[in-house]
Amino acid sequence: MNPWTDILTAAELEKGGFSMAIYANQGLRASIRAMKEVFERIDKDGCTAGVEQEIAPLSEVFEIQGMKDMQED
């Protein structure tokens, strides 16, 4: 049992009166693992062709950045 991850479930928090749980670093930790895996494949293959279909397209990156609004401004 890991005391940092096995403390309470979302259901237990809700039962205790909480309406929200914030999982502050899980996304960051997941992205670190994903980046390592992608960079290992790029290094092994010598190019990005093998990972392009598995990663976010540039259009999604631009959308998150608000590129359309920046261009309009």
PDB file of N, CA and C in Angstrom:
ATOM      1  N   MET A   1       0.835  -1.193   0.000  1.00  0.00           N
ATOM      2  CA  MET A   1       0.000   0.000   0.000  1.00  0.00           C
ATOM      3  C   MET A   1       0.876   1.251   0.000  1.00  0.00           C
ATOM      4  N   ASN A   2       0.545   2.176  -0.882  1.00  0.00           N
ATOM      5  CA  ASN A   2       1.261   3.438  -0.982  1.00  0.00           C
ATOM      6  C   ASN A   2       0.459   4.511  -0.249  1.00  0.00           C
ATOM      7  N   PRO A   3       0.973   5.069   0.834  1.00  0.00           N
ATOM      8  CA  PRO A   3       0.196   6.048   1.594  1.00  0.00           C
ATOM      9  C   PRO A   3      -0.120   7.330   0.832  1.00  0.00           C
ATOM     10  N   TRP A   4       0.606   7.597  -0.252  1.00  0.00           N
ATOM     11  CA  TRP A   4       0.353   8.819  -1.018  1.00  0.00           C
ATOM     12  C   TRP A   4      -0.715   8.645  -2.070  1.00  0.00           C
ATOM     13  N   THR A   5      -0.978   7.418  -2.493  1.00  0.00           N
ATOM     14  CA  THR A   5      -1.962   7.211  -3.558  1.00  0.00           C
ATOM     15  C   THR A   5      -3.166   6.409  -3.114  1.00  0.00           C
ATOM     16  N   ASP A   6      -3.099   5.705  -2.014  1.00  0.00           N
ATOM     17  CA  ASP A   6      -4.185   4.833  -1.581  1.00  0.00           C
ATOM     18  C   ASP A   6      -4.932   5.396  -0.375  1.00  0.00           C
ATOM     19  N   ILE A   7      -5.011   6.709  -0.248  1.00  0.00           N
ATOM     20  CA  ILE A   7      -5.610   7.321   0.926  1.00  0.00           C
ATOM     21  C   ILE A   7      -7.138   7.254   0.853  1.00  0.00           C
ATOM     22  N   LEU A   8      -7.727   7.888  -0.133  1.00  0.00           N
ATOM     23  CA  LEU A   8      -9.177   7.948  -0.282  1.00  0.00           C
ATOM     24  C   LEU A   8      -9.560   7.823  -1.746  1.00  0.00           C
ATOM     25  N   THR A   9     -10.705   7.219  -1.985  1.00  0.00           N
ATOM     26  CA  THR A   9     -11.221   7.175  -3.351  1.00  0.00           C
ATOM     27  C   THR A   9     -12.113   8.388  -3.574  1.00  0.00           C
ATOM     28  N   ALA A  10     -12.428   8.675  -4.815  1.00  0.00           N
ATOM     29  CA  ALA A  10     -13.332   9.781  -5.137  1.00  0.00           C
ATOM     30  C   ALA A  10     -14.697   9.545  -4.496  1.00  0.00           C
ATOM     31  N   ALA A  11     -15.149   8.290  -4.498  1.00  0.00           N
ATOM     32  CA  ALA A  11     -16.447   7.966  -3.881  1.00  0.00           C
ATOM     33  C   ALA A  11     -16.426   8.254  -2.377  1.00  0.00           C
ATOM     34  N   GLU A  12     -15.322   7.937  -1.731  1.00  0.00           N
ATOM     35  CA  GLU A  12     -15.210   8.208  -0.290  1.00  0.00           C
ATOM     36  C   GLU A  12     -15.202   9.711  -0.017  1.00  0.00           C
ATOM     37  N   LEU A  13     -14.524  10.464  -0.875  1.00  0.00           N
ATOM     38  CA  LEU A  13     -14.524  11.917  -0.726  1.00  0.00           C
ATOM     39  C   LEU A  13     -15.931  12.477  -0.897  1.00  0.00           C
ATOM     40  N   GLU A  14     -16.637  11.984  -1.921  1.00  0.00           N
ATOM     41  CA  GLU A  14     -18.007  12.444  -2.162  1.00  0.00           C
ATOM     42  C   GLU A  14     -18.901  12.123  -0.965  1.00  0.00           C
ATOM     43  N   LYS A  15     -18.750  10.932  -0.447  1.00  0.00           N
ATOM     44  CA  LYS A  15     -19.518  10.529   0.732  1.00  0.00           C
ATOM     45  C   LYS A  15     -19.214  11.442   1.921  1.00  0.00           C
ATOM     46  N   GLY A  16     -18.002  11.962   1.988  1.00  0.00           N
ATOM     47  CA  GLY A  16     -17.601  12.867   3.053  1.00  0.00           C
ATOM     48  C   GLY A  16     -18.010  14.313   2.815  1.00  0.00           C
ATOM     49  N   GLY A  17     -18.713  14.575   1.722  1.00  0.00           N
ATOM     50  CA  GLY A  17     -19.221  15.913   1.458  1.00  0.00           C
ATOM     51  C   GLY A  17     -18.439  16.729   0.457  1.00  0.00           C
ATOM     52  N   PHE A  18     -17.396  16.156  -0.119  1.00  0.00           N
ATOM     53  CA  PHE A  18     -16.613  16.884  -1.115  1.00  0.00           C
ATOM     54  C   PHE A  18     -17.291  16.779  -2.475  1.00  0.00           C
ATOM     55  N   SER A  19     -17.287  17.861  -3.229  1.00  0.00           N
ATOM     56  CA  SER A  19     -17.894  17.850  -4.556  1.00  0.00           C
ATOM     57  C   SER A  19     -16.855  17.798  -5.669  1.00  0.00           C
ATOM     58  N   MET A  20     -15.566  17.894  -5.288  1.00  0.00           N
ATOM     59  CA  MET A  20     -14.520  17.903  -6.300  1.00  0.00           C
ATOM     60  C   MET A  20     -13.228  17.343  -5.718  1.00  0.00           C
ATOM     61  N   ALA A  21     -12.530  16.611  -6.547  1.00  0.00           N
ATOM     62  CA  ALA A  21     -11.184  16.155  -6.202  1.00  0.00           C
ATOM     63  C   ALA A  21     -10.252  16.641  -7.297  1.00  0.00           C
ATOM     64  N   ILE A  22      -9.142  17.206  -6.915  1.00  0.00           N
ATOM     65  CA  ILE A  22      -8.178  17.711  -7.892  1.00  0.00           C
ATOM     66  C   ILE A  22      -6.966  16.780  -7.898  1.00  0.00           C
ATOM     67  N   TYR A  23      -6.725  16.170  -9.039  1.00  0.00           N
ATOM     68  CA  TYR A  23      -5.579  15.282  -9.206  1.00  0.00           C
ATOM     69  C   TYR A  23      -4.491  16.100  -9.893  1.00  0.00           C
ATOM     70  N   ALA A  24      -3.785  16.846  -9.078  1.00  0.00           N
ATOM     71  CA  ALA A  24      -2.913  17.913  -9.564  1.00  0.00           C
ATOM     72  C   ALA A  24      -1.734  17.456 -10.410  1.00  0.00           C
ATOM     73  N   ASN A  25      -1.128  16.327 -10.118  1.00  0.00           N
ATOM     74  CA  ASN A  25       0.095  15.986 -10.856  1.00  0.00           C
ATOM     75  C   ASN A  25      -0.006  14.731 -11.706  1.00  0.00           C
ATOM     76  N   GLN A  26      -1.151  14.067 -11.718  1.00  0.00           N
ATOM     77  CA  GLN A  26      -1.253  12.830 -12.492  1.00  0.00           C
ATOM     78  C   GLN A  26      -1.105  13.075 -13.992  1.00  0.00           C
ATOM     79  N   GLY A  27      -1.669  14.173 -14.492  1.00  0.00           N
ATOM     80  CA  GLY A  27      -1.513  14.488 -15.914  1.00  0.00           C
ATOM     81  C   GLY A  27      -0.069  14.763 -16.279  1.00  0.00           C
ATOM     82  N   LEU A  28       0.600  15.505 -15.440  1.00  0.00           N
ATOM     83  CA  LEU A  28       2.019  15.794 -15.673  1.00  0.00           C
ATOM     84  C   LEU A  28       2.840  14.513 -15.666  1.00  0.00           C
ATOM     85  N   ARG A  29       2.590  13.656 -14.678  1.00  0.00           N
ATOM     86  CA  ARG A  29       3.349  12.400 -14.589  1.00  0.00           C
ATOM     87  C   ARG A  29       3.071  11.499 -15.784  1.00  0.00           C
ATOM     88  N   ALA A  30       1.812  11.474 -16.256  1.00  0.00           N
ATOM     89  CA  ALA A  30       1.476  10.684 -17.442  1.00  0.00           C
ATOM     90  C   ALA A  30       2.182  11.233 -18.674  1.00  0.00           C
ATOM     91  N   SER A  31       2.240  12.559 -18.789  1.00  0.00           N
ATOM     92  CA  SER A  31       2.888  13.154 -19.963  1.00  0.00           C
ATOM     93  C   SER A  31       4.387  12.886 -19.971  1.00  0.00           C
ATOM     94  N   ILE A  32       5.010  12.843 -18.793  1.00  0.00           N
ATOM     95  CA  ILE A  32       6.438  12.527 -18.721  1.00  0.00           C
ATOM     96  C   ILE A  32       6.702  11.138 -19.279  1.00  0.00           C
ATOM     97  N   ARG A  33       5.897  10.166 -18.852  1.00  0.00           N
ATOM     98  CA  ARG A  33       6.074   8.802 -19.364  1.00  0.00           C
ATOM     99  C   ARG A  33       5.848   8.753 -20.871  1.00  0.00           C
ATOM    100  N   ALA A  34       4.784   9.425 -21.339  1.00  0.00           N
ATOM    101  CA  ALA A  34       4.480   9.424 -22.772  1.00  0.00           C
ATOM    102  C   ALA A  34       5.602  10.070 -23.574  1.00  0.00           C
ATOM    103  N   MET A  35       6.144  11.189 -23.076  1.00  0.00           N
ATOM    104  CA  MET A  35       7.247  11.850 -23.785  1.00  0.00           C
ATOM    105  C   MET A  35       8.471  10.958 -23.861  1.00  0.00           C
ATOM    106  N   LYS A  36       8.793  10.289 -22.771  1.00  0.00           N
ATOM    107  CA  LYS A  36       9.949   9.379 -22.788  1.00  0.00           C
ATOM    108  C   LYS A  36       9.767   8.295 -23.842  1.00  0.00           C
ATOM    109  N   GLU A  37       8.553   7.707 -23.880  1.00  0.00           N
ATOM    110  CA  GLU A  37       8.295   6.640 -24.848  1.00  0.00           C
ATOM    111  C   GLU A  37       8.397   7.147 -26.285  1.00  0.00           C
ATOM    112  N   VAL A  38       7.838   8.329 -26.539  1.00  0.00           N
ATOM    113  CA  VAL A  38       7.883   8.891 -27.891  1.00  0.00           C
ATOM    114  C   VAL A  38       9.323   9.209 -28.296  1.00  0.00           C
ATOM    115  N   PHE A  39      10.080   9.838 -27.407  1.00  0.00           N
ATOM    116  CA  PHE A  39      11.468  10.171 -27.744  1.00  0.00           C
ATOM    117  C   PHE A  39      12.327   8.923 -27.927  1.00  0.00           C
ATOM    118  N   GLU A  40      12.052   7.874 -27.178  1.00  0.00           N
ATOM    119  CA  GLU A  40      12.777   6.610 -27.375  1.00  0.00           C
ATOM    120  C   GLU A  40      12.494   6.041 -28.759  1.00  0.00           C
ATOM    121  N   ARG A  41      11.228   6.108 -29.197  1.00  0.00           N
ATOM    122  CA  ARG A  41      10.889   5.610 -30.540  1.00  0.00           C
ATOM    123  C   ARG A  41      11.525   6.461 -31.629  1.00  0.00           C
ATOM    124  N   ILE A  42      11.519   7.770 -31.443  1.00  0.00           N
ATOM    125  CA  ILE A  42      12.140   8.648 -32.437  1.00  0.00           C
ATOM    126  C   ILE A  42      13.629   8.348 -32.524  1.00  0.00           C
ATOM    127  N   ASP A  43      14.264   8.158 -31.385  1.00  0.00           N
ATOM    128  CA  ASP A  43      15.695   7.842 -31.359  1.00  0.00           C
ATOM    129  C   ASP A  43      15.954   6.508 -32.056  1.00  0.00           C
ATOM    130  N   LYS A  44      15.127   5.517 -31.759  1.00  0.00           N
ATOM    131  CA  LYS A  44      15.293   4.179 -32.348  1.00  0.00           C
ATOM    132  C   LYS A  44      15.061   4.207 -33.857  1.00  0.00           C
ATOM    133  N   ASP A  45      13.983   4.919 -34.287  1.00  0.00           N
ATOM    134  CA  ASP A  45      13.613   4.940 -35.712  1.00  0.00           C
ATOM    135  C   ASP A  45      14.413   5.960 -36.516  1.00  0.00           C
ATOM    136  N   GLY A  46      14.920   6.984 -35.840  1.00  0.00           N
ATOM    137  CA  GLY A  46      15.666   8.021 -36.539  1.00  0.00           C
ATOM    138  C   GLY A  46      14.795   9.073 -37.191  1.00  0.00           C
ATOM    139  N   CYS A  47      13.476   9.015 -36.946  1.00  0.00           N
ATOM    140  CA  CYS A  47      12.558  10.013 -37.499  1.00  0.00           C
ATOM    141  C   CYS A  47      11.244   9.978 -36.714  1.00  0.00           C
ATOM    142  N   THR A  48      10.360  10.909 -37.022  1.00  0.00           N
ATOM    143  CA  THR A  48       9.095  11.001 -36.287  1.00  0.00           C
ATOM    144  C   THR A  48       7.934  10.287 -36.968  1.00  0.00           C
ATOM    145  N   ALA A  49       8.156   9.737 -38.156  1.00  0.00           N
ATOM    146  CA  ALA A  49       7.061   9.136 -38.918  1.00  0.00           C
ATOM    147  C   ALA A  49       6.292   8.075 -38.128  1.00  0.00           C
ATOM    148  N   GLY A  50       6.978   7.293 -37.320  1.00  0.00           N
ATOM    149  CA  GLY A  50       6.332   6.212 -36.594  1.00  0.00           C
ATOM    150  C   GLY A  50       5.481   6.639 -35.423  1.00  0.00           C
ATOM    151  N   VAL A  51       5.583   7.898 -35.009  1.00  0.00           N
ATOM    152  CA  VAL A  51       4.804   8.352 -33.853  1.00  0.00           C
ATOM    153  C   VAL A  51       3.728   9.369 -34.224  1.00  0.00           C
ATOM    154  N   GLU A  52       3.762   9.890 -35.430  1.00  0.00           N
ATOM    155  CA  GLU A  52       2.855  10.981 -35.810  1.00  0.00           C
ATOM    156  C   GLU A  52       1.380  10.644 -35.618  1.00  0.00           C
ATOM    157  N   GLN A  53       0.977   9.416 -35.883  1.00  0.00           N
ATOM    158  CA  GLN A  53      -0.433   9.041 -35.749  1.00  0.00           C
ATOM    159  C   GLN A  53      -0.842   8.828 -34.293  1.00  0.00           C
ATOM    160  N   GLU A  54       0.115   8.801 -33.383  1.00  0.00           N
ATOM    161  CA  GLU A  54      -0.177   8.531 -31.970  1.00  0.00           C
ATOM    162  C   GLU A  54      -0.086   9.773 -31.093  1.00  0.00           C
ATOM    163  N   ILE A  55       0.350  10.882 -31.647  1.00  0.00           N
ATOM    164  CA  ILE A  55       0.500  12.102 -30.851  1.00  0.00           C
ATOM    165  C   ILE A  55      -0.518  13.145 -31.308  1.00  0.00           C
ATOM    166  N   ALA A  56      -0.713  14.167 -30.490  1.00  0.00           N
ATOM    167  CA  ALA A  56      -1.669  15.221 -30.823  1.00  0.00           C
ATOM    168  C   ALA A  56      -1.237  15.946 -32.088  1.00  0.00           C
ATOM    169  N   PRO A  57      -2.190  16.231 -32.962  1.00  0.00           N
ATOM    170  CA  PRO A  57      -1.844  16.990 -34.161  1.00  0.00           C
ATOM    171  C   PRO A  57      -1.551  18.446 -33.797  1.00  0.00           C
ATOM    172  N   LEU A  58      -0.797  19.120 -34.652  1.00  0.00           N
ATOM    173  CA  LEU A  58      -0.472  20.524 -34.404  1.00  0.00           C
ATOM    174  C   LEU A  58      -1.728  21.378 -34.270  1.00  0.00           C
ATOM    175  N   SER A  59      -2.806  21.013 -34.974  1.00  0.00           N
ATOM    176  CA  SER A  59      -4.047  21.788 -34.859  1.00  0.00           C
ATOM    177  C   SER A  59      -4.556  21.799 -33.420  1.00  0.00           C
ATOM    178  N   GLU A  60      -4.388  20.708 -32.696  1.00  0.00           N
ATOM    179  CA  GLU A  60      -4.799  20.646 -31.291  1.00  0.00           C
ATOM    180  C   GLU A  60      -3.892  21.521 -30.421  1.00  0.00           C
ATOM    181  N   VAL A  61      -2.600  21.504 -30.706  1.00  0.00           N
ATOM    182  CA  VAL A  61      -1.664  22.366 -29.977  1.00  0.00           C
ATOM    183  C   VAL A  61      -2.050  23.826 -30.188  1.00  0.00           C
ATOM    184  N   PHE A  62      -2.318  24.215 -31.444  1.00  0.00           N
ATOM    185  CA  PHE A  62      -2.680  25.588 -31.752  1.00  0.00           C
ATOM    186  C   PHE A  62      -3.995  25.975 -31.083  1.00  0.00           C
ATOM    187  N   GLU A  63      -4.940  25.033 -31.017  1.00  0.00           N
ATOM    188  CA  GLU A  63      -6.225  25.307 -30.366  1.00  0.00           C
ATOM    189  C   GLU A  63      -6.023  25.578 -28.872  1.00  0.00           C
ATOM    190  N   ILE A  64      -5.212  24.770 -28.212  1.00  0.00           N
ATOM    191  CA  ILE A  64      -4.938  24.962 -26.789  1.00  0.00           C
ATOM    192  C   ILE A  64      -4.255  26.305 -26.553  1.00  0.00           C
ATOM    193  N   GLN A  65      -3.383  26.696 -27.461  1.00  0.00           N
ATOM    194  CA  GLN A  65      -2.658  27.964 -27.337  1.00  0.00           C
ATOM    195  C   GLN A  65      -3.539  29.179 -27.621  1.00  0.00           C
ATOM    196  N   GLY A  66      -4.706  28.949 -28.229  1.00  0.00           N
ATOM    197  CA  GLY A  66      -5.550  30.071 -28.620  1.00  0.00           C
ATOM    198  C   GLY A  66      -5.024  30.784 -29.849  1.00  0.00           C
ATOM    199  N   MET A  67      -4.396  30.024 -30.739  1.00  0.00           N
ATOM    200  CA  MET A  67      -3.753  30.600 -31.922  1.00  0.00           C
ATOM    201  C   MET A  67      -4.731  31.402 -32.777  1.00  0.00           C
ATOM    202  N   LYS A  68      -5.953  30.918 -32.968  1.00  0.00           N
ATOM    203  CA  LYS A  68      -6.917  31.615 -33.809  1.00  0.00           C
ATOM    204  C   LYS A  68      -7.205  33.009 -33.249  1.00  0.00           C
ATOM    205  N   ASP A  69      -7.405  33.088 -31.929  1.00  0.00           N
ATOM    206  CA  ASP A  69      -7.661  34.387 -31.305  1.00  0.00           C
ATOM    207  C   ASP A  69      -6.457  35.307 -31.427  1.00  0.00           C
ATOM    208  N   MET A  70      -5.264  34.755 -31.267  1.00  0.00           N
ATOM    209  CA  MET A  70      -4.045  35.578 -31.386  1.00  0.00           C
ATOM    210  C   MET A  70      -3.917  36.136 -32.799  1.00  0.00           C
ATOM    211  N   GLN A  71      -4.224  35.318 -33.817  1.00  0.00           N
ATOM    212  CA  GLN A  71      -4.123  35.780 -35.194  1.00  0.00           C
ATOM    213  C   GLN A  71      -5.157  36.863 -35.490  1.00  0.00           C
ATOM    214  N   GLU A  72      -6.346  36.698 -34.900  1.00  0.00           N
ATOM    215  CA  GLU A  72      -7.394  37.685 -35.114  1.00  0.00           C
ATOM    216  C   GLU A  72      -7.054  39.013 -34.448  1.00  0.00           C
ATOM    217  N   ASP A  73      -6.371  38.953 -33.315  1.00  0.00           N
ATOM    218  CA  ASP A  73      -5.962  40.178 -32.612  1.00  0.00           C
ATOM    219  C   ASP A  73      -4.862  40.874 -33.380  1.00  0.00           C
TER     220      ASP A  73
END
